[in-house]
Amino acid sequence: PVRAADWADIPRLPLGASAGPGTVAL
């Protein structure tokens, strides 16, 4: 990260955390 005062842009990862039968991590 690069620190600053007001905002943080958090990475969105192309992973589906399954709340069903399950998925393999990508």
mmCIF file of all heavy atoms, coordinates in Angstrom:
data_MODEL
# 
_entry.id   MODEL 
# 
loop_
_atom_site.group_PDB 
_atom_site.id 
_atom_site.type_symbol 
_atom_site.label_atom_id 
_atom_site.label_alt_id 
_atom_site.label_comp_id 
_atom_site.label_asym_id 
_atom_site.label_entity_id 
_atom_site.label_seq_id 
_atom_site.pdbx_PDB_ins_code 
_atom_site.Cartn_x 
_atom_site.Cartn_y 
_atom_site.Cartn_z 
_atom_site.occupancy 
_atom_site.B_iso_or_equiv 
_atom_site.pdbx_formal_charge 
_atom_site.auth_seq_id 
_atom_site.auth_comp_id 
_atom_site.auth_asym_id 
_atom_site.auth_atom_id 
_atom_site.pdbx_PDB_model_num 
ATOM 1   N N   . PRO A 1 1  ? 0.820   -1.207  0.000   1.00 0.00 ? 1  PRO A N   1 
ATOM 2   C CA  . PRO A 1 1  ? 0.000   0.000   0.000   1.00 0.00 ? 1  PRO A CA  1 
ATOM 3   C C   . PRO A 1 1  ? 0.853   1.256   0.000   1.00 0.00 ? 1  PRO A C   1 
ATOM 4   O O   . PRO A 1 1  ? 2.014   1.231   0.376   1.00 0.00 ? 1  PRO A O   1 
ATOM 5   C CB  . PRO A 1 1  ? -0.770  -0.109  1.315   1.00 0.00 ? 1  PRO A CB  1 
ATOM 6   C CG  . PRO A 1 1  ? 0.190   -0.819  2.214   1.00 0.00 ? 1  PRO A CG  1 
ATOM 7   C CD  . PRO A 1 1  ? 0.967   -1.772  1.339   1.00 0.00 ? 1  PRO A CD  1 
ATOM 8   N N   . VAL A 1 2  ? 0.264   2.365   -0.440  1.00 0.00 ? 2  VAL A N   1 
ATOM 9   C CA  . VAL A 1 2  ? 0.877   3.684   -0.331  1.00 0.00 ? 2  VAL A CA  1 
ATOM 10  C C   . VAL A 1 2  ? -0.025  4.504   0.577   1.00 0.00 ? 2  VAL A C   1 
ATOM 11  O O   . VAL A 1 2  ? -1.179  4.729   0.278   1.00 0.00 ? 2  VAL A O   1 
ATOM 12  C CB  . VAL A 1 2  ? 0.991   4.359   -1.720  1.00 0.00 ? 2  VAL A CB  1 
ATOM 13  C CG1 . VAL A 1 2  ? 1.620   5.734   -1.587  1.00 0.00 ? 2  VAL A CG1 1 
ATOM 14  C CG2 . VAL A 1 2  ? 1.810   3.486   -2.656  1.00 0.00 ? 2  VAL A CG2 1 
ATOM 15  N N   . ARG A 1 3  ? 0.503   4.924   1.705   1.00 0.00 ? 3  ARG A N   1 
ATOM 16  C CA  . ARG A 1 3  ? -0.314  5.575   2.721   1.00 0.00 ? 3  ARG A CA  1 
ATOM 17  C C   . ARG A 1 3  ? -0.744  6.980   2.292   1.00 0.00 ? 3  ARG A C   1 
ATOM 18  O O   . ARG A 1 3  ? -0.015  7.714   1.655   1.00 0.00 ? 3  ARG A O   1 
ATOM 19  C CB  . ARG A 1 3  ? 0.467   5.669   4.018   1.00 0.00 ? 3  ARG A CB  1 
ATOM 20  C CG  . ARG A 1 3  ? 0.515   4.311   4.712   1.00 0.00 ? 3  ARG A CG  1 
ATOM 21  C CD  . ARG A 1 3  ? -0.169  4.450   6.038   1.00 0.00 ? 3  ARG A CD  1 
ATOM 22  N NE  . ARG A 1 3  ? -0.254  3.173   6.688   1.00 0.00 ? 3  ARG A NE  1 
ATOM 23  C CZ  . ARG A 1 3  ? -1.385  2.636   7.077   1.00 0.00 ? 3  ARG A CZ  1 
ATOM 24  N NH1 . ARG A 1 3  ? -2.517  3.221   6.814   1.00 0.00 ? 3  ARG A NH1 1 
ATOM 25  N NH2 . ARG A 1 3  ? -1.395  1.495   7.724   1.00 0.00 ? 3  ARG A NH2 1 
ATOM 26  N N   . ALA A 1 4  ? -1.956  7.341   2.654   1.00 0.00 ? 4  ALA A N   1 
ATOM 27  C CA  . ALA A 1 4  ? -2.479  8.692   2.506   1.00 0.00 ? 4  ALA A CA  1 
ATOM 28  C C   . ALA A 1 4  ? -3.584  8.866   3.518   1.00 0.00 ? 4  ALA A C   1 
ATOM 29  O O   . ALA A 1 4  ? -3.846  7.977   4.326   1.00 0.00 ? 4  ALA A O   1 
ATOM 30  C CB  . ALA A 1 4  ? -2.950  8.932   1.077   1.00 0.00 ? 4  ALA A CB  1 
ATOM 31  N N   . ALA A 1 5  ? -4.266  10.018  3.474   1.00 0.00 ? 5  ALA A N   1 
ATOM 32  C CA  . ALA A 1 5  ? -5.121  10.375  4.590   1.00 0.00 ? 5  ALA A CA  1 
ATOM 33  C C   . ALA A 1 5  ? -6.519  9.795   4.535   1.00 0.00 ? 5  ALA A C   1 
ATOM 34  O O   . ALA A 1 5  ? -7.057  9.378   5.541   1.00 0.00 ? 5  ALA A O   1 
ATOM 35  C CB  . ALA A 1 5  ? -5.201  11.900  4.675   1.00 0.00 ? 5  ALA A CB  1 
ATOM 36  N N   . ASP A 1 6  ? -7.165  9.772   3.370   1.00 0.00 ? 6  ASP A N   1 
ATOM 37  C CA  . ASP A 1 6  ? -8.607  9.665   3.372   1.00 0.00 ? 6  ASP A CA  1 
ATOM 38  C C   . ASP A 1 6  ? -9.201  8.377   2.795   1.00 0.00 ? 6  ASP A C   1 
ATOM 39  O O   . ASP A 1 6  ? -10.300 7.994   3.178   1.00 0.00 ? 6  ASP A O   1 
ATOM 40  C CB  . ASP A 1 6  ? -9.207  10.848  2.602   1.00 0.00 ? 6  ASP A CB  1 
ATOM 41  C CG  . ASP A 1 6  ? -8.909  12.174  3.275   1.00 0.00 ? 6  ASP A CG  1 
ATOM 42  O OD1 . ASP A 1 6  ? -8.989  12.237  4.505   1.00 0.00 ? 6  ASP A OD1 1 
ATOM 43  O OD2 . ASP A 1 6  ? -8.575  13.123  2.552   1.00 0.00 ? 6  ASP A OD2 1 
ATOM 44  N N   . TRP A 1 7  ? -8.543  7.746   1.856   1.00 0.00 ? 7  TRP A N   1 
ATOM 45  C CA  . TRP A 1 7  ? -9.170  6.643   1.148   1.00 0.00 ? 7  TRP A CA  1 
ATOM 46  C C   . TRP A 1 7  ? -8.216  5.466   1.009   1.00 0.00 ? 7  TRP A C   1 
ATOM 47  O O   . TRP A 1 7  ? -7.008  5.629   0.974   1.00 0.00 ? 7  TRP A O   1 
ATOM 48  C CB  . TRP A 1 7  ? -9.631  7.082   -0.245  1.00 0.00 ? 7  TRP A CB  1 
ATOM 49  C CG  . TRP A 1 7  ? -10.613 8.194   -0.221  1.00 0.00 ? 7  TRP A CG  1 
ATOM 50  C CD1 . TRP A 1 7  ? -10.373 9.516   -0.465  1.00 0.00 ? 7  TRP A CD1 1 
ATOM 51  C CD2 . TRP A 1 7  ? -12.003 8.088   0.102   1.00 0.00 ? 7  TRP A CD2 1 
ATOM 52  N NE1 . TRP A 1 7  ? -11.531 10.238  -0.323  1.00 0.00 ? 7  TRP A NE1 1 
ATOM 53  C CE2 . TRP A 1 7  ? -12.549 9.395   0.025   1.00 0.00 ? 7  TRP A CE2 1 
ATOM 54  C CE3 . TRP A 1 7  ? -12.833 7.028   0.440   1.00 0.00 ? 7  TRP A CE3 1 
ATOM 55  C CZ2 . TRP A 1 7  ? -13.888 9.649   0.272   1.00 0.00 ? 7  TRP A CZ2 1 
ATOM 56  C CZ3 . TRP A 1 7  ? -14.178 7.286   0.681   1.00 0.00 ? 7  TRP A CZ3 1 
ATOM 57  C CH2 . TRP A 1 7  ? -14.680 8.582   0.595   1.00 0.00 ? 7  TRP A CH2 1 
ATOM 58  N N   . ALA A 1 8  ? -8.816  4.282   0.888   1.00 0.00 ? 8  ALA A N   1 
ATOM 59  C CA  . ALA A 1 8  ? -8.036  3.075   0.611   1.00 0.00 ? 8  ALA A CA  1 
ATOM 60  C C   . ALA A 1 8  ? -8.729  2.312   -0.506  1.00 0.00 ? 8  ALA A C   1 
ATOM 61  O O   . ALA A 1 8  ? -9.922  2.028   -0.415  1.00 0.00 ? 8  ALA A O   1 
ATOM 62  C CB  . ALA A 1 8  ? -7.934  2.198   1.860   1.00 0.00 ? 8  ALA A CB  1 
ATOM 63  N N   . ASP A 1 9  ? -8.011  2.036   -1.576  1.00 0.00 ? 9  ASP A N   1 
ATOM 64  C CA  . ASP A 1 9  ? -8.548  1.260   -2.680  1.00 0.00 ? 9  ASP A CA  1 
ATOM 65  C C   . ASP A 1 9  ? -8.138  -0.196  -2.479  1.00 0.00 ? 9  ASP A C   1 
ATOM 66  O O   . ASP A 1 9  ? -6.977  -0.556  -2.690  1.00 0.00 ? 9  ASP A O   1 
ATOM 67  C CB  . ASP A 1 9  ? -8.020  1.787   -4.016  1.00 0.00 ? 9  ASP A CB  1 
ATOM 68  C CG  . ASP A 1 9  ? -8.643  3.129   -4.390  1.00 0.00 ? 9  ASP A CG  1 
ATOM 69  O OD1 . ASP A 1 9  ? -9.613  3.512   -3.714  1.00 0.00 ? 9  ASP A OD1 1 
ATOM 70  O OD2 . ASP A 1 9  ? -8.178  3.766   -5.342  1.00 0.00 ? 9  ASP A OD2 1 
ATOM 71  N N   . ILE A 1 10 ? -9.089  -1.020  -2.088  1.00 0.00 ? 10 ILE A N   1 
ATOM 72  C CA  . ILE A 1 10 ? -8.809  -2.399  -1.705  1.00 0.00 ? 10 ILE A CA  1 
ATOM 73  C C   . ILE A 1 10 ? -8.948  -3.308  -2.921  1.00 0.00 ? 10 ILE A C   1 
ATOM 74  O O   . ILE A 1 10 ? -9.938  -3.223  -3.657  1.00 0.00 ? 10 ILE A O   1 
ATOM 75  C CB  . ILE A 1 10 ? -9.767  -2.858  -0.579  1.00 0.00 ? 10 ILE A CB  1 
ATOM 76  C CG1 . ILE A 1 10 ? -9.699  -1.889  0.610   1.00 0.00 ? 10 ILE A CG1 1 
ATOM 77  C CG2 . ILE A 1 10 ? -9.426  -4.283  -0.154  1.00 0.00 ? 10 ILE A CG2 1 
ATOM 78  C CD1 . ILE A 1 10 ? -8.328  -1.735  1.222   1.00 0.00 ? 10 ILE A CD1 1 
ATOM 79  N N   . PRO A 1 11 ? -7.983  -4.200  -3.166  1.00 0.00 ? 11 PRO A N   1 
ATOM 80  C CA  . PRO A 1 11 ? -8.048  -5.062  -4.351  1.00 0.00 ? 11 PRO A CA  1 
ATOM 81  C C   . PRO A 1 11 ? -9.267  -5.976  -4.335  1.00 0.00 ? 11 PRO A C   1 
ATOM 82  O O   . PRO A 1 11 ? -9.592  -6.577  -3.311  1.00 0.00 ? 11 PRO A O   1 
ATOM 83  C CB  . PRO A 1 11 ? -6.758  -5.893  -4.249  1.00 0.00 ? 11 PRO A CB  1 
ATOM 84  C CG  . PRO A 1 11 ? -5.880  -5.173  -3.310  1.00 0.00 ? 11 PRO A CG  1 
ATOM 85  C CD  . PRO A 1 11 ? -6.757  -4.423  -2.372  1.00 0.00 ? 11 PRO A CD  1 
ATOM 86  N N   . ARG A 1 12 ? -9.928  -6.068  -5.476  1.00 0.00 ? 12 ARG A N   1 
ATOM 87  C CA  . ARG A 1 12 ? -10.987 -7.053  -5.679  1.00 0.00 ? 12 ARG A CA  1 
ATOM 88  C C   . ARG A 1 12 ? -10.365 -8.220  -6.435  1.00 0.00 ? 12 ARG A C   1 
ATOM 89  O O   . ARG A 1 12 ? -9.843  -8.050  -7.534  1.00 0.00 ? 12 ARG A O   1 
ATOM 90  C CB  . ARG A 1 12 ? -12.144 -6.459  -6.476  1.00 0.00 ? 12 ARG A CB  1 
ATOM 91  C CG  . ARG A 1 12 ? -12.838 -5.313  -5.771  1.00 0.00 ? 12 ARG A CG  1 
ATOM 92  C CD  . ARG A 1 12 ? -13.856 -4.648  -6.666  1.00 0.00 ? 12 ARG A CD  1 
ATOM 93  N NE  . ARG A 1 12 ? -15.014 -5.501  -6.892  1.00 0.00 ? 12 ARG A NE  1 
ATOM 94  C CZ  . ARG A 1 12 ? -15.945 -5.238  -7.822  1.00 0.00 ? 12 ARG A CZ  1 
ATOM 95  N NH1 . ARG A 1 12 ? -15.813 -4.191  -8.612  1.00 0.00 ? 12 ARG A NH1 1 
ATOM 96  N NH2 . ARG A 1 12 ? -16.983 -6.035  -7.958  1.00 0.00 ? 12 ARG A NH2 1 
ATOM 97  N N   . LEU A 1 13 ? -10.405 -9.384  -5.813  1.00 0.00 ? 13 LEU A N   1 
ATOM 98  C CA  . LEU A 1 13 ? -9.743  -10.552 -6.376  1.00 0.00 ? 13 LEU A CA  1 
ATOM 99  C C   . LEU A 1 13 ? -10.730 -11.402 -7.170  1.00 0.00 ? 13 LEU A C   1 
ATOM 100 O O   . LEU A 1 13 ? -11.895 -11.518 -6.794  1.00 0.00 ? 13 LEU A O   1 
ATOM 101 C CB  . LEU A 1 13 ? -9.113  -11.392 -5.268  1.00 0.00 ? 13 LEU A CB  1 
ATOM 102 C CG  . LEU A 1 13 ? -8.132  -10.647 -4.348  1.00 0.00 ? 13 LEU A CG  1 
ATOM 103 C CD1 . LEU A 1 13 ? -7.537  -11.605 -3.334  1.00 0.00 ? 13 LEU A CD1 1 
ATOM 104 C CD2 . LEU A 1 13 ? -7.026  -9.975  -5.154  1.00 0.00 ? 13 LEU A CD2 1 
ATOM 105 N N   . PRO A 1 14 ? -10.257 -12.023 -8.254  1.00 0.00 ? 14 PRO A N   1 
ATOM 106 C CA  . PRO A 1 14 ? -11.142 -12.847 -9.082  1.00 0.00 ? 14 PRO A CA  1 
ATOM 107 C C   . PRO A 1 14 ? -11.355 -14.226 -8.470  1.00 0.00 ? 14 PRO A C   1 
ATOM 108 O O   . PRO A 1 14 ? -11.126 -15.255 -9.095  1.00 0.00 ? 14 PRO A O   1 
ATOM 109 C CB  . PRO A 1 14 ? -10.373 -12.935 -10.409 1.00 0.00 ? 14 PRO A CB  1 
ATOM 110 C CG  . PRO A 1 14 ? -8.946  -12.901 -9.989  1.00 0.00 ? 14 PRO A CG  1 
ATOM 111 C CD  . PRO A 1 14 ? -8.895  -11.955 -8.802  1.00 0.00 ? 14 PRO A CD  1 
ATOM 112 N N   . LEU A 1 15 ? -11.784 -14.240 -7.220  1.00 0.00 ? 15 LEU A N   1 
ATOM 113 C CA  . LEU A 1 15 ? -12.033 -15.477 -6.499  1.00 0.00 ? 15 LEU A CA  1 
ATOM 114 C C   . LEU A 1 15 ? -13.495 -15.531 -6.111  1.00 0.00 ? 15 LEU A C   1 
ATOM 115 O O   . LEU A 1 15 ? -14.056 -14.546 -5.655  1.00 0.00 ? 15 LEU A O   1 
ATOM 116 C CB  . LEU A 1 15 ? -11.179 -15.555 -5.225  1.00 0.00 ? 15 LEU A CB  1 
ATOM 117 C CG  . LEU A 1 15 ? -9.667  -15.400 -5.381  1.00 0.00 ? 15 LEU A CG  1 
ATOM 118 C CD1 . LEU A 1 15 ? -9.005  -15.400 -4.015  1.00 0.00 ? 15 LEU A CD1 1 
ATOM 119 C CD2 . LEU A 1 15 ? -9.102  -16.527 -6.228  1.00 0.00 ? 15 LEU A CD2 1 
ATOM 120 N N   . GLY A 1 16 ? -14.101 -16.688 -6.244  1.00 0.00 ? 16 GLY A N   1 
ATOM 121 C CA  . GLY A 1 16 ? -15.446 -16.877 -5.750  1.00 0.00 ? 16 GLY A CA  1 
ATOM 122 C C   . GLY A 1 16 ? -15.390 -17.686 -4.476  1.00 0.00 ? 16 GLY A C   1 
ATOM 123 O O   . GLY A 1 16 ? -15.091 -18.884 -4.510  1.00 0.00 ? 16 GLY A O   1 
ATOM 124 N N   . ALA A 1 17 ? -15.616 -17.047 -3.316  1.00 0.00 ? 17 ALA A N   1 
ATOM 125 C CA  . ALA A 1 17 ? -15.652 -17.789 -2.054  1.00 0.00 ? 17 ALA A CA  1 
ATOM 126 C C   . ALA A 1 17 ? -17.014 -18.446 -1.972  1.00 0.00 ? 17 ALA A C   1 
ATOM 127 O O   . ALA A 1 17 ? -18.023 -17.788 -1.780  1.00 0.00 ? 17 ALA A O   1 
ATOM 128 C CB  . ALA A 1 17 ? -15.430 -16.856 -0.874  1.00 0.00 ? 17 ALA A CB  1 
ATOM 129 N N   . SER A 1 18 ? -17.043 -19.747 -2.144  1.00 0.00 ? 18 SER A N   1 
ATOM 130 C CA  . SER A 1 18 ? -18.312 -20.416 -2.329  1.00 0.00 ? 18 SER A CA  1 
ATOM 131 C C   . SER A 1 18 ? -19.122 -20.477 -1.050  1.00 0.00 ? 18 SER A C   1 
ATOM 132 O O   . SER A 1 18 ? -18.621 -20.824 0.013   1.00 0.00 ? 18 SER A O   1 
ATOM 133 C CB  . SER A 1 18 ? -18.083 -21.838 -2.838  1.00 0.00 ? 18 SER A CB  1 
ATOM 134 O OG  . SER A 1 18 ? -19.309 -22.507 -2.998  1.00 0.00 ? 18 SER A OG  1 
ATOM 135 N N   . ALA A 1 19 ? -20.401 -20.081 -1.169  1.00 0.00 ? 19 ALA A N   1 
ATOM 136 C CA  . ALA A 1 19 ? -21.368 -20.303 -0.109  1.00 0.00 ? 19 ALA A CA  1 
ATOM 137 C C   . ALA A 1 19 ? -22.329 -21.382 -0.580  1.00 0.00 ? 19 ALA A C   1 
ATOM 138 O O   . ALA A 1 19 ? -23.489 -21.414 -0.245  1.00 0.00 ? 19 ALA A O   1 
ATOM 139 C CB  . ALA A 1 19 ? -22.123 -19.018 0.213   1.00 0.00 ? 19 ALA A CB  1 
ATOM 140 N N   . GLY A 1 20 ? -21.792 -22.256 -1.412  1.00 0.00 ? 20 GLY A N   1 
ATOM 141 C CA  . GLY A 1 20 ? -22.547 -23.383 -1.940  1.00 0.00 ? 20 GLY A CA  1 
ATOM 142 C C   . GLY A 1 20 ? -21.672 -24.614 -1.906  1.00 0.00 ? 20 GLY A C   1 
ATOM 143 O O   . GLY A 1 20 ? -20.941 -24.837 -0.955  1.00 0.00 ? 20 GLY A O   1 
ATOM 144 N N   . PRO A 1 21 ? -21.655 -25.411 -2.983  1.00 0.00 ? 21 PRO A N   1 
ATOM 145 C CA  . PRO A 1 21 ? -20.869 -26.644 -2.964  1.00 0.00 ? 21 PRO A CA  1 
ATOM 146 C C   . PRO A 1 21 ? -19.369 -26.433 -2.895  1.00 0.00 ? 21 PRO A C   1 
ATOM 147 O O   . PRO A 1 21 ? -18.635 -27.295 -2.459  1.00 0.00 ? 21 PRO A O   1 
ATOM 148 C CB  . PRO A 1 21 ? -21.262 -27.312 -4.294  1.00 0.00 ? 21 PRO A CB  1 
ATOM 149 C CG  . PRO A 1 21 ? -22.555 -26.696 -4.671  1.00 0.00 ? 21 PRO A CG  1 
ATOM 150 C CD  . PRO A 1 21 ? -22.507 -25.293 -4.158  1.00 0.00 ? 21 PRO A CD  1 
ATOM 151 N N   . GLY A 1 22 ? -18.866 -25.262 -3.347  1.00 0.00 ? 22 GLY A N   1 
ATOM 152 C CA  . GLY A 1 22 ? -17.430 -25.028 -3.271  1.00 0.00 ? 22 GLY A CA  1 
ATOM 153 C C   . GLY A 1 22 ? -16.834 -24.773 -4.636  1.00 0.00 ? 22 GLY A C   1 
ATOM 154 O O   . GLY A 1 22 ? -17.286 -25.300 -5.640  1.00 0.00 ? 22 GLY A O   1 
ATOM 155 N N   . THR A 1 23 ? -15.803 -23.953 -4.677  1.00 0.00 ? 23 THR A N   1 
ATOM 156 C CA  . THR A 1 23 ? -15.100 -23.665 -5.913  1.00 0.00 ? 23 THR A CA  1 
ATOM 157 C C   . THR A 1 23 ? -13.610 -23.714 -5.649  1.00 0.00 ? 23 THR A C   1 
ATOM 158 O O   . THR A 1 23 ? -13.148 -23.468 -4.543  1.00 0.00 ? 23 THR A O   1 
ATOM 159 C CB  . THR A 1 23 ? -15.453 -22.266 -6.450  1.00 0.00 ? 23 THR A CB  1 
ATOM 160 O OG1 . THR A 1 23 ? -15.199 -21.304 -5.418  1.00 0.00 ? 23 THR A OG1 1 
ATOM 161 C CG2 . THR A 1 23 ? -16.909 -22.186 -6.860  1.00 0.00 ? 23 THR A CG2 1 
ATOM 162 N N   . VAL A 1 24 ? -12.847 -24.015 -6.676  1.00 0.00 ? 24 VAL A N   1 
ATOM 163 C CA  . VAL A 1 24 ? -11.394 -24.065 -6.560  1.00 0.00 ? 24 VAL A CA  1 
ATOM 164 C C   . VAL A 1 24 ? -10.849 -22.652 -6.709  1.00 0.00 ? 24 VAL A C   1 
ATOM 165 O O   . VAL A 1 24 ? -11.308 -21.891 -7.561  1.00 0.00 ? 24 VAL A O   1 
ATOM 166 C CB  . VAL A 1 24 ? -10.797 -24.997 -7.636  1.00 0.00 ? 24 VAL A CB  1 
ATOM 167 C CG1 . VAL A 1 24 ? -9.274  -25.007 -7.572  1.00 0.00 ? 24 VAL A CG1 1 
ATOM 168 C CG2 . VAL A 1 24 ? -11.331 -26.411 -7.447  1.00 0.00 ? 24 VAL A CG2 1 
ATOM 169 N N   . ALA A 1 25 ? -9.894  -22.267 -5.881  1.00 0.00 ? 25 ALA A N   1 
ATOM 170 C CA  . ALA A 1 25 ? -9.311  -20.934 -5.922  1.00 0.00 ? 25 ALA A CA  1 
ATOM 171 C C   . ALA A 1 25 ? -8.641  -20.683 -7.263  1.00 0.00 ? 25 ALA A C   1 
ATOM 172 O O   . ALA A 1 25 ? -8.017  -21.568 -7.842  1.00 0.00 ? 25 ALA A O   1 
ATOM 173 C CB  . ALA A 1 25 ? -8.315  -20.771 -4.789  1.00 0.00 ? 25 ALA A CB  1 
ATOM 174 N N   . LEU A 1 26 ? -8.762  -19.437 -7.751  1.00 0.00 ? 26 LEU A N   1 
ATOM 175 C CA  . LEU A 1 26 ? -8.193  -19.051 -9.031  1.00 0.00 ? 26 LEU A CA  1 
ATOM 176 C C   . LEU A 1 26 ? -6.996  -18.140 -8.826  1.00 0.00 ? 26 LEU A C   1 
ATOM 177 O O   . LEU A 1 26 ? -6.553  -17.919 -7.710  1.00 0.00 ? 26 LEU A O   1 
ATOM 178 C CB  . LEU A 1 26 ? -9.272  -18.348 -9.869  1.00 0.00 ? 26 LEU A CB  1 
ATOM 179 C CG  . LEU A 1 26 ? -10.551 -19.148 -10.108 1.00 0.00 ? 26 LEU A CG  1 
ATOM 180 C CD1 . LEU A 1 26 ? -11.561 -18.285 -10.851 1.00 0.00 ? 26 LEU A CD1 1 
ATOM 181 C CD2 . LEU A 1 26 ? -10.271 -20.413 -10.884 1.00 0.00 ? 26 LEU A CD2 1 
# 
